[in-house]
Amino acid sequence: MNPGSAAIDTINQLKTLLSNAYWRTNSVLDWSISPFNMEKSLTGYVGLKNLGCTCYMNSLIQQLFMIGNFREGILNLDDISLFKNDFNDNLLYQFQLILAGLKFSHKQYIDPRRLCISFKGPDGNPINVLEQMDADEFFNEFFDRLETILKV
């Protein structure tokens, strides 16, 4: 392979990464890098980004994360039959990613956007992050969906 083709391959890989970066918005804050502000807390815990009105969801996920047996049980699920549809649209897989991020990340927070997209309402649409939801109602719906997935 000549040096020119290696550079072209690298550029094409970077273009793919940048074009698939769902986290990018027009906000200047999404483009700036501040290592000090992005570090994990001294407490050792990682937070969840509030996407608007998602504090009810974030607080529930953080509480579930703190239940060690539950967290490890979800993280250890690897039966591929549980992931029938696209990983990006699979609630269980996205929940696993959030729990893994809370456990292993060195970032200040995890972005739960993909979990919101995979959690569909009765109308088939993802969670509206700008609409407040009752925490108890979300808890019941979330566990109903997880139970349906895990019954397979």
N, C-alpha and C. Protein backbone atom coordinates (compact mmCIF):
# COMPACT_ATOMS: atom_id res chain seq x y z
N MET A 1 0.85 -1.17 0.00
CA MET A 1 0.00 0.00 0.00
C MET A 1 0.89 1.23 0.00
N ASN A 2 0.62 2.19 -0.85
CA ASN A 2 1.44 3.40 -0.88
C ASN A 2 0.95 4.38 0.18
N PRO A 3 1.80 5.34 0.58
CA PRO A 3 1.45 6.29 1.63
C PRO A 3 0.19 7.08 1.32
N GLY A 4 -0.07 7.36 0.06
CA GLY A 4 -1.27 8.11 -0.30
C GLY A 4 -2.55 7.36 0.00
N SER A 5 -2.56 6.05 -0.24
CA SER A 5 -3.78 5.28 0.01
C SER A 5 -4.04 5.12 1.51
N ALA A 6 -2.98 5.05 2.31
CA ALA A 6 -3.15 4.97 3.77
C ALA A 6 -3.81 6.24 4.29
N ALA A 7 -3.37 7.38 3.77
CA ALA A 7 -3.95 8.65 4.20
C ALA A 7 -5.41 8.74 3.78
N ILE A 8 -5.71 8.28 2.57
CA ILE A 8 -7.09 8.30 2.09
C ILE A 8 -7.97 7.38 2.94
N ASP A 9 -7.45 6.20 3.31
CA ASP A 9 -8.20 5.28 4.18
C ASP A 9 -8.48 5.93 5.53
N THR A 10 -7.49 6.59 6.09
CA THR A 10 -7.66 7.26 7.37
C THR A 10 -8.70 8.37 7.27
N ILE A 11 -8.62 9.16 6.24
CA ILE A 11 -9.59 10.25 6.05
C ILE A 11 -11.00 9.69 5.90
N ASN A 12 -11.15 8.61 5.14
CA ASN A 12 -12.48 8.00 4.97
C ASN A 12 -13.02 7.46 6.29
N GLN A 13 -12.16 6.87 7.11
CA GLN A 13 -12.60 6.39 8.43
C GLN A 13 -13.04 7.54 9.31
N LEU A 14 -12.28 8.64 9.29
CA LEU A 14 -12.66 9.81 10.09
C LEU A 14 -13.97 10.42 9.60
N LYS A 15 -14.16 10.47 8.29
CA LYS A 15 -15.42 10.99 7.74
C LYS A 15 -16.60 10.16 8.22
N THR A 16 -16.43 8.83 8.25
CA THR A 16 -17.50 7.94 8.71
C THR A 16 -17.82 8.23 10.17
N LEU A 17 -16.80 8.36 11.00
CA LEU A 17 -17.02 8.64 12.41
C LEU A 17 -17.72 9.98 12.61
N LEU A 18 -17.29 10.99 11.90
CA LEU A 18 -17.89 12.31 12.05
C LEU A 18 -19.31 12.36 11.52
N SER A 19 -19.59 11.67 10.45
CA SER A 19 -20.95 11.70 9.90
C SER A 19 -21.93 10.92 10.75
N ASN A 20 -21.45 9.98 11.57
CA ASN A 20 -22.32 9.19 12.43
C ASN A 20 -22.32 9.67 13.87
N ALA A 21 -21.75 10.83 14.13
CA ALA A 21 -21.66 11.33 15.50
C ALA A 21 -22.99 11.98 15.88
N TYR A 22 -23.90 11.21 16.47
CA TYR A 22 -25.23 11.69 16.82
C TYR A 22 -25.21 12.79 17.87
N TRP A 23 -24.13 12.90 18.62
CA TRP A 23 -24.04 13.86 19.72
C TRP A 23 -23.79 15.29 19.25
N ARG A 24 -23.40 15.45 17.98
CA ARG A 24 -23.08 16.79 17.51
C ARG A 24 -24.34 17.59 17.25
N THR A 25 -24.30 18.82 17.69
CA THR A 25 -25.39 19.76 17.40
C THR A 25 -24.75 21.05 16.92
N ASN A 26 -25.55 22.07 16.71
CA ASN A 26 -25.02 23.38 16.33
C ASN A 26 -24.50 24.15 17.53
N SER A 27 -24.69 23.63 18.73
CA SER A 27 -24.23 24.31 19.93
C SER A 27 -22.71 24.30 20.01
N VAL A 28 -22.14 25.44 20.31
CA VAL A 28 -20.69 25.56 20.46
C VAL A 28 -20.22 24.66 21.61
N LEU A 29 -21.03 24.49 22.63
CA LEU A 29 -20.64 23.67 23.78
C LEU A 29 -20.38 22.21 23.41
N ASP A 30 -21.06 21.71 22.39
CA ASP A 30 -20.84 20.33 21.97
C ASP A 30 -19.52 20.15 21.23
N TRP A 31 -18.91 21.24 20.81
CA TRP A 31 -17.67 21.16 20.05
C TRP A 31 -16.44 21.51 20.87
N SER A 32 -16.63 22.19 21.97
CA SER A 32 -15.47 22.58 22.77
C SER A 32 -15.02 21.42 23.66
N ILE A 33 -13.75 21.40 23.94
CA ILE A 33 -13.18 20.33 24.76
C ILE A 33 -12.59 20.97 26.00
N SER A 34 -13.04 20.52 27.14
CA SER A 34 -12.51 21.00 28.42
C SER A 34 -12.25 19.79 29.28
N PRO A 35 -11.04 19.25 29.24
CA PRO A 35 -10.74 18.03 29.99
C PRO A 35 -11.09 18.12 31.47
N PHE A 36 -10.85 19.26 32.09
CA PHE A 36 -11.12 19.38 33.52
C PHE A 36 -12.61 19.22 33.80
N ASN A 37 -13.46 19.82 32.97
CA ASN A 37 -14.90 19.75 33.18
C ASN A 37 -15.50 18.41 32.75
N MET A 38 -14.75 17.64 31.99
CA MET A 38 -15.27 16.38 31.50
C MET A 38 -14.79 15.18 32.30
N GLU A 39 -14.01 15.42 33.36
CA GLU A 39 -13.47 14.32 34.14
C GLU A 39 -14.51 13.75 35.08
N LYS A 40 -14.32 12.50 35.42
CA LYS A 40 -15.14 11.80 36.39
C LYS A 40 -15.03 12.50 37.75
N SER A 41 -16.10 12.50 38.49
CA SER A 41 -16.12 13.12 39.80
C SER A 41 -15.13 12.45 40.75
N LEU A 42 -14.66 13.19 41.71
CA LEU A 42 -13.76 12.63 42.72
C LEU A 42 -14.44 11.55 43.56
N THR A 43 -15.77 11.54 43.56
CA THR A 43 -16.50 10.51 44.30
C THR A 43 -16.39 9.15 43.61
N GLY A 44 -15.99 9.17 42.34
CA GLY A 44 -15.88 7.93 41.59
C GLY A 44 -17.12 7.59 40.78
N TYR A 45 -18.15 8.42 40.89
CA TYR A 45 -19.39 8.15 40.17
C TYR A 45 -19.49 9.01 38.91
N VAL A 46 -20.21 8.47 37.95
CA VAL A 46 -20.46 9.14 36.68
C VAL A 46 -21.93 9.52 36.66
N GLY A 47 -22.25 10.67 36.11
CA GLY A 47 -23.64 11.11 36.04
C GLY A 47 -24.28 10.79 34.70
N LEU A 48 -25.52 11.21 34.56
CA LEU A 48 -26.26 11.08 33.30
C LEU A 48 -26.65 12.49 32.85
N LYS A 49 -26.44 12.77 31.59
CA LYS A 49 -26.77 14.08 31.04
C LYS A 49 -28.28 14.26 31.01
N ASN A 50 -28.74 15.41 31.49
CA ASN A 50 -30.16 15.72 31.41
C ASN A 50 -30.41 16.32 30.03
N LEU A 51 -31.24 15.68 29.25
CA LEU A 51 -31.50 16.09 27.87
C LEU A 51 -32.63 17.10 27.74
N GLY A 52 -33.16 17.54 28.84
CA GLY A 52 -34.26 18.50 28.84
C GLY A 52 -35.10 18.26 30.08
N CYS A 53 -36.02 17.32 29.94
CA CYS A 53 -36.88 16.94 31.06
C CYS A 53 -36.74 15.44 31.35
N THR A 54 -35.52 14.97 31.45
CA THR A 54 -35.28 13.53 31.65
C THR A 54 -34.77 13.21 33.05
N CYS A 55 -34.93 14.13 33.99
CA CYS A 55 -34.42 13.87 35.34
C CYS A 55 -35.13 12.67 35.97
N TYR A 56 -36.42 12.46 35.68
CA TYR A 56 -37.15 11.31 36.21
C TYR A 56 -36.49 10.01 35.76
N MET A 57 -36.09 9.95 34.50
CA MET A 57 -35.45 8.75 33.94
C MET A 57 -34.03 8.60 34.51
N ASN A 58 -33.28 9.69 34.53
CA ASN A 58 -31.91 9.64 35.02
C ASN A 58 -31.85 9.19 36.48
N SER A 59 -32.75 9.73 37.30
CA SER A 59 -32.72 9.35 38.72
C SER A 59 -33.07 7.88 38.91
N LEU A 60 -34.01 7.37 38.13
CA LEU A 60 -34.37 5.96 38.23
C LEU A 60 -33.20 5.08 37.79
N ILE A 61 -32.56 5.41 36.69
CA ILE A 61 -31.43 4.61 36.20
C ILE A 61 -30.28 4.63 37.21
N GLN A 62 -30.02 5.78 37.81
CA GLN A 62 -28.96 5.86 38.80
C GLN A 62 -29.29 5.03 40.04
N GLN A 63 -30.55 5.00 40.43
CA GLN A 63 -30.95 4.18 41.57
C GLN A 63 -30.81 2.70 41.24
N LEU A 64 -31.21 2.30 40.04
CA LEU A 64 -31.07 0.91 39.63
C LEU A 64 -29.60 0.52 39.54
N PHE A 65 -28.76 1.43 39.08
CA PHE A 65 -27.33 1.18 39.00
C PHE A 65 -26.74 0.85 40.38
N MET A 66 -27.25 1.50 41.40
CA MET A 66 -26.71 1.32 42.75
C MET A 66 -27.12 -0.02 43.37
N ILE A 67 -28.04 -0.74 42.76
CA ILE A 67 -28.42 -2.08 43.23
C ILE A 67 -27.48 -3.05 42.53
N GLY A 68 -26.41 -3.42 43.21
CA GLY A 68 -25.32 -4.19 42.61
C GLY A 68 -25.76 -5.47 41.92
N ASN A 69 -26.59 -6.28 42.58
CA ASN A 69 -27.01 -7.54 41.97
C ASN A 69 -27.83 -7.31 40.70
N PHE A 70 -28.69 -6.31 40.73
CA PHE A 70 -29.49 -5.99 39.55
C PHE A 70 -28.58 -5.53 38.41
N ARG A 71 -27.68 -4.57 38.72
CA ARG A 71 -26.76 -4.03 37.72
C ARG A 71 -25.93 -5.13 37.07
N GLU A 72 -25.32 -5.98 37.89
CA GLU A 72 -24.46 -7.04 37.36
C GLU A 72 -25.28 -8.07 36.58
N GLY A 73 -26.51 -8.34 37.03
CA GLY A 73 -27.37 -9.26 36.30
C GLY A 73 -27.68 -8.77 34.90
N ILE A 74 -28.00 -7.47 34.78
CA ILE A 74 -28.28 -6.89 33.46
C ILE A 74 -27.01 -6.86 32.62
N LEU A 75 -25.88 -6.47 33.22
CA LEU A 75 -24.64 -6.40 32.47
C LEU A 75 -24.15 -7.76 31.99
N ASN A 76 -24.49 -8.81 32.70
CA ASN A 76 -24.02 -10.15 32.33
C ASN A 76 -24.93 -10.86 31.33
N LEU A 77 -26.04 -10.25 30.95
CA LEU A 77 -26.92 -10.85 29.94
C LEU A 77 -26.21 -10.79 28.59
N ASP A 78 -26.00 -11.95 27.98
CA ASP A 78 -25.33 -11.95 26.68
C ASP A 78 -26.00 -12.90 25.69
N ASP A 79 -27.20 -13.34 26.01
CA ASP A 79 -27.94 -14.22 25.10
C ASP A 79 -28.36 -13.40 23.87
N ILE A 80 -27.79 -13.71 22.74
CA ILE A 80 -28.01 -12.93 21.52
C ILE A 80 -29.49 -12.93 21.11
N SER A 81 -30.26 -13.91 21.53
CA SER A 81 -31.69 -13.93 21.17
C SER A 81 -32.45 -12.77 21.82
N LEU A 82 -31.87 -12.16 22.87
CA LEU A 82 -32.51 -11.01 23.51
C LEU A 82 -32.36 -9.75 22.66
N PHE A 83 -31.46 -9.80 21.69
CA PHE A 83 -31.17 -8.62 20.87
C PHE A 83 -31.62 -8.87 19.44
N LYS A 84 -32.90 -9.18 19.27
CA LYS A 84 -33.43 -9.53 17.95
C LYS A 84 -33.35 -8.39 16.95
N ASN A 85 -33.65 -7.20 17.41
CA ASN A 85 -33.65 -6.09 16.46
C ASN A 85 -32.33 -5.33 16.52
N ASP A 86 -32.25 -4.30 15.75
CA ASP A 86 -31.07 -3.45 15.66
C ASP A 86 -30.62 -3.01 17.05
N PHE A 87 -29.32 -3.10 17.32
CA PHE A 87 -28.79 -2.71 18.63
C PHE A 87 -29.13 -1.26 18.97
N ASN A 88 -29.15 -0.39 17.99
CA ASN A 88 -29.46 1.01 18.24
C ASN A 88 -30.89 1.21 18.70
N ASP A 89 -31.75 0.26 18.41
CA ASP A 89 -33.16 0.37 18.75
C ASP A 89 -33.57 -0.65 19.82
N ASN A 90 -32.61 -1.30 20.45
CA ASN A 90 -32.89 -2.34 21.43
C ASN A 90 -32.77 -1.77 22.84
N LEU A 91 -33.89 -1.71 23.55
CA LEU A 91 -33.94 -1.11 24.88
C LEU A 91 -32.97 -1.79 25.85
N LEU A 92 -32.94 -3.11 25.86
CA LEU A 92 -32.06 -3.82 26.78
C LEU A 92 -30.59 -3.51 26.50
N TYR A 93 -30.22 -3.55 25.24
CA TYR A 93 -28.83 -3.26 24.87
C TYR A 93 -28.44 -1.84 25.26
N GLN A 94 -29.31 -0.89 24.99
CA GLN A 94 -29.02 0.51 25.33
C GLN A 94 -28.94 0.70 26.85
N PHE A 95 -29.78 -0.03 27.59
CA PHE A 95 -29.73 0.03 29.05
C PHE A 95 -28.40 -0.56 29.55
N GLN A 96 -27.97 -1.65 28.93
CA GLN A 96 -26.67 -2.23 29.28
C GLN A 96 -25.54 -1.23 29.03
N LEU A 97 -25.60 -0.52 27.91
CA LEU A 97 -24.56 0.47 27.60
C LEU A 97 -24.53 1.58 28.66
N ILE A 98 -25.70 2.02 29.10
CA ILE A 98 -25.76 3.06 30.13
C ILE A 98 -25.14 2.54 31.42
N LEU A 99 -25.54 1.33 31.85
CA LEU A 99 -25.00 0.77 33.08
C LEU A 99 -23.49 0.57 32.99
N ALA A 100 -23.02 0.09 31.85
CA ALA A 100 -21.58 -0.10 31.65
C ALA A 100 -20.86 1.24 31.69
N GLY A 101 -21.45 2.25 31.09
CA GLY A 101 -20.86 3.58 31.12
C GLY A 101 -20.78 4.13 32.53
N LEU A 102 -21.85 3.95 33.30
CA LEU A 102 -21.84 4.42 34.68
C LEU A 102 -20.80 3.69 35.52
N LYS A 103 -20.55 2.45 35.17
CA LYS A 103 -19.59 1.64 35.93
C LYS A 103 -18.14 1.88 35.51
N PHE A 104 -17.89 1.99 34.22
CA PHE A 104 -16.51 1.98 33.73
C PHE A 104 -15.99 3.30 33.15
N SER A 105 -16.88 4.23 32.85
CA SER A 105 -16.44 5.45 32.17
C SER A 105 -15.58 6.34 33.07
N HIS A 106 -14.74 7.13 32.43
CA HIS A 106 -13.95 8.13 33.14
C HIS A 106 -14.46 9.53 32.82
N LYS A 107 -15.60 9.58 32.13
CA LYS A 107 -16.21 10.86 31.78
C LYS A 107 -17.00 11.39 32.98
N GLN A 108 -17.38 12.64 32.87
CA GLN A 108 -18.19 13.25 33.92
C GLN A 108 -19.63 12.72 33.86
N TYR A 109 -20.12 12.46 32.66
CA TYR A 109 -21.49 11.97 32.52
C TYR A 109 -21.62 11.13 31.25
N ILE A 110 -22.70 10.36 31.22
CA ILE A 110 -23.07 9.53 30.06
C ILE A 110 -24.30 10.18 29.42
N ASP A 111 -24.34 10.18 28.12
CA ASP A 111 -25.47 10.73 27.38
C ASP A 111 -26.49 9.61 27.14
N PRO A 112 -27.69 9.71 27.72
CA PRO A 112 -28.70 8.64 27.56
C PRO A 112 -29.57 8.77 26.32
N ARG A 113 -29.13 9.57 25.34
CA ARG A 113 -29.94 9.82 24.15
C ARG A 113 -30.38 8.54 23.45
N ARG A 114 -29.47 7.58 23.29
CA ARG A 114 -29.81 6.34 22.58
C ARG A 114 -30.85 5.52 23.35
N LEU A 115 -30.79 5.57 24.68
CA LEU A 115 -31.80 4.88 25.49
C LEU A 115 -33.16 5.52 25.25
N CYS A 116 -33.21 6.84 25.21
CA CYS A 116 -34.47 7.55 24.96
C CYS A 116 -35.04 7.19 23.60
N ILE A 117 -34.17 7.05 22.61
CA ILE A 117 -34.62 6.70 21.26
C ILE A 117 -35.17 5.27 21.23
N SER A 118 -34.56 4.37 22.00
CA SER A 118 -34.99 2.97 21.98
C SER A 118 -36.23 2.72 22.85
N PHE A 119 -36.56 3.64 23.73
CA PHE A 119 -37.75 3.50 24.58
C PHE A 119 -38.93 4.14 23.87
N LYS A 120 -39.71 3.31 23.23
CA LYS A 120 -40.82 3.80 22.42
C LYS A 120 -42.11 3.86 23.26
N GLY A 121 -42.88 4.89 23.02
CA GLY A 121 -44.17 5.03 23.67
C GLY A 121 -45.21 4.18 22.96
N PRO A 122 -46.44 4.20 23.46
CA PRO A 122 -47.51 3.42 22.82
C PRO A 122 -47.74 3.80 21.36
N ASP A 123 -47.38 5.04 21.01
CA ASP A 123 -47.56 5.50 19.64
C ASP A 123 -46.39 5.12 18.73
N GLY A 124 -45.37 4.43 19.31
CA GLY A 124 -44.22 4.00 18.53
C GLY A 124 -43.12 5.04 18.40
N ASN A 125 -43.33 6.19 19.03
CA ASN A 125 -42.34 7.26 18.98
C ASN A 125 -41.44 7.20 20.21
N PRO A 126 -40.19 7.65 20.07
CA PRO A 126 -39.28 7.68 21.22
C PRO A 126 -39.74 8.67 22.28
N ILE A 127 -39.13 8.58 23.44
CA ILE A 127 -39.42 9.52 24.52
C ILE A 127 -39.20 10.94 24.03
N ASN A 128 -40.14 11.81 24.35
CA ASN A 128 -39.96 13.24 24.07
C ASN A 128 -39.18 13.81 25.25
N VAL A 129 -37.91 14.13 25.02
CA VAL A 129 -37.04 14.58 26.11
C VAL A 129 -37.42 15.96 26.62
N LEU A 130 -38.33 16.65 25.94
CA LEU A 130 -38.78 17.96 26.38
C LEU A 130 -40.11 17.90 27.12
N GLU A 131 -40.56 16.68 27.39
CA GLU A 131 -41.83 16.49 28.09
C GLU A 131 -41.60 15.71 29.37
N GLN A 132 -42.00 16.31 30.49
CA GLN A 132 -41.83 15.67 31.78
C GLN A 132 -42.74 14.44 31.87
N MET A 133 -42.26 13.38 32.50
CA MET A 133 -43.04 12.17 32.68
C MET A 133 -43.01 11.81 34.16
N ASP A 134 -44.05 11.20 34.64
CA ASP A 134 -44.11 10.77 36.03
C ASP A 134 -43.11 9.64 36.24
N ALA A 135 -42.29 9.73 37.29
CA ALA A 135 -41.24 8.74 37.53
C ALA A 135 -41.82 7.34 37.75
N ASP A 136 -42.94 7.26 38.47
CA ASP A 136 -43.57 5.96 38.73
C ASP A 136 -44.11 5.36 37.43
N GLU A 137 -44.71 6.19 36.60
CA GLU A 137 -45.23 5.73 35.31
C GLU A 137 -44.08 5.23 34.43
N PHE A 138 -42.97 5.97 34.41
CA PHE A 138 -41.81 5.55 33.62
C PHE A 138 -41.25 4.24 34.16
N PHE A 139 -41.14 4.12 35.47
CA PHE A 139 -40.63 2.90 36.10
C PHE A 139 -41.46 1.69 35.66
N ASN A 140 -42.78 1.81 35.74
CA ASN A 140 -43.66 0.69 35.36
C ASN A 140 -43.52 0.34 33.88
N GLU A 141 -43.52 1.34 33.01
CA GLU A 141 -43.39 1.08 31.57
C GLU A 141 -42.02 0.49 31.25
N PHE A 142 -40.98 1.02 31.87
CA PHE A 142 -39.62 0.55 31.62
C PHE A 142 -39.48 -0.93 32.00
N PHE A 143 -39.98 -1.28 33.18
CA PHE A 143 -39.86 -2.67 33.61
C PHE A 143 -40.79 -3.60 32.84
N ASP A 144 -41.94 -3.11 32.41
CA ASP A 144 -42.80 -3.92 31.54
C ASP A 144 -42.07 -4.27 30.25
N ARG A 145 -41.38 -3.30 29.67
CA ARG A 145 -40.65 -3.54 28.42
C ARG A 145 -39.46 -4.47 28.64
N LEU A 146 -38.72 -4.25 29.73
CA LEU A 146 -37.59 -5.14 30.03
C LEU A 146 -38.08 -6.57 30.26
N GLU A 147 -39.18 -6.70 30.99
CA GLU A 147 -39.73 -8.04 31.26
C GLU A 147 -40.14 -8.73 29.95
N THR A 148 -40.74 -7.98 29.04
CA THR A 148 -41.14 -8.55 27.75
C THR A 148 -39.92 -9.05 27.00
N ILE A 149 -38.85 -8.27 27.00
CA ILE A 149 -37.62 -8.67 26.31
C ILE A 149 -37.02 -9.90 26.96
N LEU A 150 -36.99 -9.93 28.28
CA LEU A 150 -36.32 -11.02 29.01
C LEU A 150 -37.13 -12.32 29.06
N LYS A 151 -38.42 -12.28 28.69
CA LYS A 151 -39.25 -13.49 28.68
C LYS A 151 -38.91 -14.43 27.54
N VAL A 152 -38.14 -13.95 26.59
CA VAL A 152 -37.81 -14.74 25.39
C VAL A 152 -37.13 -16.03 25.76
